[in-house]
Amino acid sequence: RRPGPADHGTAVAAIMVGKPEWGGLLPGAGLKAANMFEKNKVGRVVDSSVALLKSINWLAKKKVKVINMSVAGGDNKIVRRALDKVKKKRMILVAAAGNWGSADRPAYPAAYKEVVAVTAFGEERRVYSKANRGQYIDFAAPGVQIYTAVSRRGGRVQSGTSFASPYVAVLVALELARDSKRSVDSLRKVLRAKVVDLGDPGKDTVFGWGFIDRPPACR
C-alpha cells in the first residue's frame, strides 16, 4: 500500500528539530521518522497497528532512546505487549493524549502505563477543547493554534495534542542525555518537579501534573 500524506509528520518533526524560525526546539538533534499511516484500496488514509509495530522495531534497531507518537487509537493487546518490551529496553515513549474530547474513552498508546501522555493547552493556558481527559494524562504543553511546517506548502496553523507531545518528548530527550539510565517513572518524577499546576491542585484528569516549566538547557 501507498504511504499516507507527510503533512502531519512534517509538522511534528519541525516542532522537534526544525529551524528556529519554525519553532524547532532542538534544531541540532538527530531525528528518525517512521510512518504508520497508509492509503487503503479506496484511497482512504488509515492507520495500521502492523506498521506501528514495524516502526517501533526499526527505531529500536536504530537505538533511538525517545519515541514521540503523535497518534491515538484503541487498545491493542499486541501493541501493548510490544510496548512492554520497549520499556525493558529503556526506550522512553511519549504520546498525544487524543483529540476525541472524551473523559471516558482513553486514547492509546498514551493511556498505557509505559507511555508519558501529553495533553494540549492554548491561550491563557486553557485546555484544548477537543483534548481527551483521564487519569492517564501526565503533562500539558502548548498545542493550540501552533504555526507548523507543512510538506511542500510552507506552513499553517494547527491545533491538537499531536503538537503538544513533541514538546515533552524533547524535554525527555534532554533528561536522557544527562542520564541515559532513567526509567519512565523516574523521568515523570524529575519532570513534575518543575511544573506549573494548571488545574486542580496536584495531578488532575485535565492537565495531569501540569505544564513543565523547564526550558531546554543545551550544551
Protein backbone atom coordinates (compact mmCIF):
# COMPACT_ATOMS: atom_id res chain seq x y z
CA ARG A 1 0.00 0.00 0.00
CA ARG A 2 1.00 3.58 -0.56
CA PRO A 3 2.09 5.65 2.45
CA GLY A 4 -0.21 8.29 3.88
CA PRO A 5 0.48 12.02 3.41
CA ALA A 6 3.54 13.58 5.00
CA ASP A 7 1.93 16.76 6.40
CA HIS A 8 1.26 15.57 9.95
CA GLY A 9 4.70 14.01 10.38
CA THR A 10 6.38 17.06 8.87
CA ALA A 11 4.67 19.36 11.36
CA VAL A 12 5.66 17.21 14.33
CA ALA A 13 9.23 16.80 13.09
CA ALA A 14 9.66 20.54 12.60
CA ILE A 15 8.48 21.24 16.15
CA MET A 16 11.19 18.93 17.45
CA VAL A 17 14.18 19.57 15.21
CA GLY A 18 13.14 22.30 12.77
CA LYS A 19 14.96 25.57 12.27
CA PRO A 20 14.34 28.23 14.94
CA GLU A 21 12.02 30.22 12.65
CA TRP A 22 9.77 27.14 12.57
CA GLY A 23 9.83 26.89 16.34
CA GLY A 24 12.21 23.94 16.36
CA LEU A 25 13.02 23.05 19.97
CA LEU A 26 16.25 21.11 19.30
CA PRO A 27 17.42 22.09 15.80
CA GLY A 28 20.75 20.32 16.27
CA ALA A 29 19.27 16.96 17.22
CA GLY A 30 19.05 13.89 15.01
CA LEU A 31 15.64 12.57 14.01
CA LYS A 32 14.44 9.27 12.62
CA ALA A 33 10.87 9.13 11.38
CA ALA A 34 8.60 6.17 10.73
CA ASN A 35 5.14 6.28 9.13
CA MET A 36 2.26 4.10 10.36
CA PHE A 37 -0.32 5.63 8.01
CA GLU A 38 -1.22 4.23 4.61
CA LYS A 39 -3.81 4.58 1.84
CA ASN A 40 -6.12 1.60 1.55
CA LYS A 41 -7.61 0.20 -1.68
CA VAL A 42 -10.15 3.00 -1.97
CA GLY A 43 -7.59 5.74 -1.26
CA ARG A 44 -8.64 6.42 2.32
CA VAL A 45 -5.85 7.20 4.79
CA VAL A 46 -5.87 4.67 7.64
CA ASP A 47 -3.52 3.81 10.47
CA SER A 48 -2.04 0.36 10.79
CA SER A 49 -1.05 -1.41 14.01
CA VAL A 50 1.27 -3.65 11.97
CA ALA A 51 3.02 -0.57 10.59
CA LEU A 52 3.26 0.84 14.11
CA LEU A 53 4.93 -2.34 15.34
CA LYS A 54 7.33 -2.35 12.39
CA SER A 55 8.13 1.30 13.07
CA ILE A 56 8.90 0.70 16.74
CA ASN A 57 11.01 -2.34 15.87
CA TRP A 58 13.02 -0.31 13.33
CA LEU A 59 13.54 2.52 15.81
CA ALA A 60 14.69 0.03 18.42
CA LYS A 61 17.25 -1.38 15.98
CA LYS A 62 18.46 2.16 15.34
CA LYS A 63 18.89 2.56 19.13
CA VAL A 64 16.56 5.52 19.36
CA LYS A 65 16.09 6.42 23.03
CA VAL A 66 12.91 8.52 22.84
CA ILE A 67 9.93 7.84 20.60
CA ASN A 68 7.28 10.52 20.10
CA MET A 69 3.92 9.10 18.99
CA SER A 70 1.55 11.81 17.83
CA VAL A 71 -1.17 9.24 17.17
CA ALA A 72 -4.22 7.96 19.02
CA GLY A 73 -6.32 4.82 18.72
CA GLY A 74 -7.90 1.98 20.63
CA ASP A 75 -6.39 -0.58 22.98
CA ASN A 76 -4.48 -3.34 21.19
CA LYS A 77 -3.11 -6.30 23.11
CA ILE A 78 -0.27 -6.94 20.66
CA VAL A 79 0.83 -3.30 20.68
CA ARG A 80 0.61 -3.30 24.48
CA ARG A 81 2.90 -6.32 24.65
CA ALA A 82 5.37 -4.72 22.24
CA LEU A 83 5.49 -1.51 24.28
CA ASP A 84 6.21 -3.52 27.40
CA LYS A 85 9.29 -4.91 25.62
CA VAL A 86 10.26 -1.37 24.61
CA LYS A 87 10.18 -0.34 28.27
CA LYS A 88 12.56 -3.19 29.13
CA LYS A 89 14.98 -1.83 26.52
CA ARG A 90 14.89 1.53 28.36
CA MET A 91 13.36 3.33 25.41
CA ILE A 92 11.01 6.10 26.53
CA LEU A 93 7.67 6.59 24.80
CA VAL A 94 5.79 9.91 24.71
CA ALA A 95 2.33 10.14 23.12
CA ALA A 96 -0.52 12.54 22.39
CA ALA A 97 -3.47 12.25 24.78
CA GLY A 98 -6.00 12.18 21.94
CA ASN A 99 -8.44 14.65 20.37
CA TRP A 100 -11.77 12.88 20.92
CA GLY A 101 -12.95 15.27 23.64
CA SER A 102 -13.70 12.25 25.80
CA ALA A 103 -13.37 11.71 29.54
CA ASP A 104 -14.35 8.04 29.47
CA ARG A 105 -12.67 6.76 26.30
CA PRO A 106 -8.89 6.72 26.80
CA ALA A 107 -6.66 7.03 23.75
CA TYR A 108 -3.81 4.61 23.15
CA PRO A 109 -0.84 4.35 23.17
CA ALA A 110 -0.92 7.37 25.54
CA ALA A 111 -3.07 5.51 28.09
CA TYR A 112 -0.59 2.65 28.53
CA LYS A 113 1.34 2.99 31.78
CA GLU A 114 4.63 2.64 29.90
CA VAL A 115 3.89 5.85 27.98
CA VAL A 116 4.12 9.52 29.00
CA ALA A 117 0.78 11.08 27.98
CA VAL A 118 0.60 14.73 26.91
CA THR A 119 -2.44 16.98 26.51
CA ALA A 120 -2.58 20.41 24.87
CA PHE A 121 -3.41 23.91 26.04
CA GLY A 122 -3.70 27.27 24.31
CA GLU A 123 -4.11 30.94 25.15
CA GLU A 124 -4.41 31.78 28.83
CA ARG A 125 -3.43 28.17 29.41
CA ARG A 126 -6.89 26.82 28.74
CA VAL A 127 -7.05 23.15 27.79
CA TYR A 128 -7.63 22.30 24.12
CA SER A 129 -11.39 21.90 23.71
CA LYS A 130 -11.08 18.54 21.91
CA ALA A 131 -8.44 17.06 24.21
CA ASN A 132 -9.20 13.79 25.98
CA ARG A 133 -9.29 13.70 29.76
CA GLY A 134 -8.49 10.94 32.19
CA GLN A 135 -6.24 9.62 34.91
CA TYR A 136 -3.63 8.67 32.30
CA ILE A 137 -2.77 12.30 31.42
CA ASP A 138 0.75 13.12 32.67
CA PHE A 139 1.59 16.62 31.44
CA ALA A 140 0.30 19.54 29.37
CA ALA A 141 2.13 21.53 26.69
CA PRO A 142 1.33 24.18 24.05
CA GLY A 143 -0.74 22.65 21.25
CA VAL A 144 -3.41 25.15 20.21
CA GLN A 145 -3.01 27.46 17.20
CA ILE A 146 0.57 26.34 16.64
CA TYR A 147 2.24 27.52 13.43
CA THR A 148 3.56 24.33 11.85
CA ALA A 149 5.51 23.33 8.79
CA VAL A 150 3.54 21.62 6.02
CA SER A 151 5.18 19.37 3.44
CA ARG A 152 5.86 21.26 0.19
CA ARG A 153 3.41 24.03 1.15
CA GLY A 154 5.17 26.23 3.69
CA GLY A 155 3.25 26.37 6.96
CA ARG A 156 -0.15 26.71 8.57
CA VAL A 157 -1.73 26.99 11.99
CA GLN A 158 -2.88 23.72 13.57
CA SER A 159 -4.22 22.53 16.92
CA GLY A 160 -4.17 19.20 18.68
CA THR A 161 -2.45 17.07 21.27
CA SER A 162 -0.21 15.79 18.45
CA PHE A 163 1.60 19.12 18.52
CA ALA A 164 1.98 19.19 22.32
CA SER A 165 3.51 15.73 22.59
CA PRO A 166 6.82 16.64 20.85
CA TYR A 167 7.43 19.41 23.39
CA VAL A 168 7.59 16.86 26.19
CA ALA A 169 9.47 14.35 24.04
CA VAL A 170 12.24 16.94 23.64
CA LEU A 171 12.44 17.53 27.40
CA VAL A 172 12.61 13.78 27.96
CA ALA A 173 15.43 13.51 25.43
CA LEU A 174 17.39 16.22 27.23
CA GLU A 175 16.98 14.42 30.55
CA LEU A 176 18.19 11.17 28.98
CA ALA A 177 21.20 12.99 27.56
CA ARG A 178 22.15 13.74 31.17
CA ASP A 179 21.32 10.28 32.48
CA SER A 180 20.61 7.57 29.89
CA LYS A 181 19.62 5.03 32.55
CA ARG A 182 16.49 6.84 33.69
CA SER A 183 13.25 4.85 33.67
CA VAL A 184 9.90 6.25 32.58
CA ASP A 185 8.83 6.51 36.23
CA SER A 186 11.95 8.39 37.28
CA LEU A 187 11.53 10.75 34.30
CA ARG A 188 7.97 11.51 35.34
CA LYS A 189 9.26 12.34 38.81
CA VAL A 190 12.01 14.62 37.51
CA LEU A 191 9.75 16.46 35.07
CA ARG A 192 6.95 17.05 37.54
CA ALA A 193 9.39 18.67 39.99
CA LYS A 194 9.14 21.89 37.95
CA VAL A 195 5.58 22.19 36.73
CA VAL A 196 3.04 24.97 36.64
CA ASP A 197 -0.13 23.47 38.08
CA LEU A 198 -2.86 24.45 35.63
CA GLY A 199 -5.90 22.70 37.10
CA ASP A 200 -6.97 21.27 40.40
CA PRO A 201 -4.12 21.06 42.95
CA GLY A 202 -1.80 18.14 42.19
CA LYS A 203 -2.39 15.70 39.36
CA ASP A 204 -5.78 16.01 37.69
CA THR A 205 -7.61 14.45 34.74
CA VAL A 206 -7.39 17.55 32.55
CA PHE A 207 -3.78 18.77 32.73
CA GLY A 208 -2.10 15.86 34.52
CA TRP A 209 0.68 17.30 36.68
CA GLY A 210 0.63 20.49 34.60
CA PHE A 211 2.94 22.40 32.28
CA ILE A 212 6.64 21.59 32.59
CA ASP A 213 8.34 24.93 33.22
CA ARG A 214 11.74 23.68 32.18
CA PRO A 215 13.28 25.45 29.17
CA PRO A 216 15.78 23.33 27.24
CA ALA A 217 19.35 23.73 28.54
CA CYS A 218 21.57 22.51 25.72
CA ARG A 219 25.32 22.12 25.94
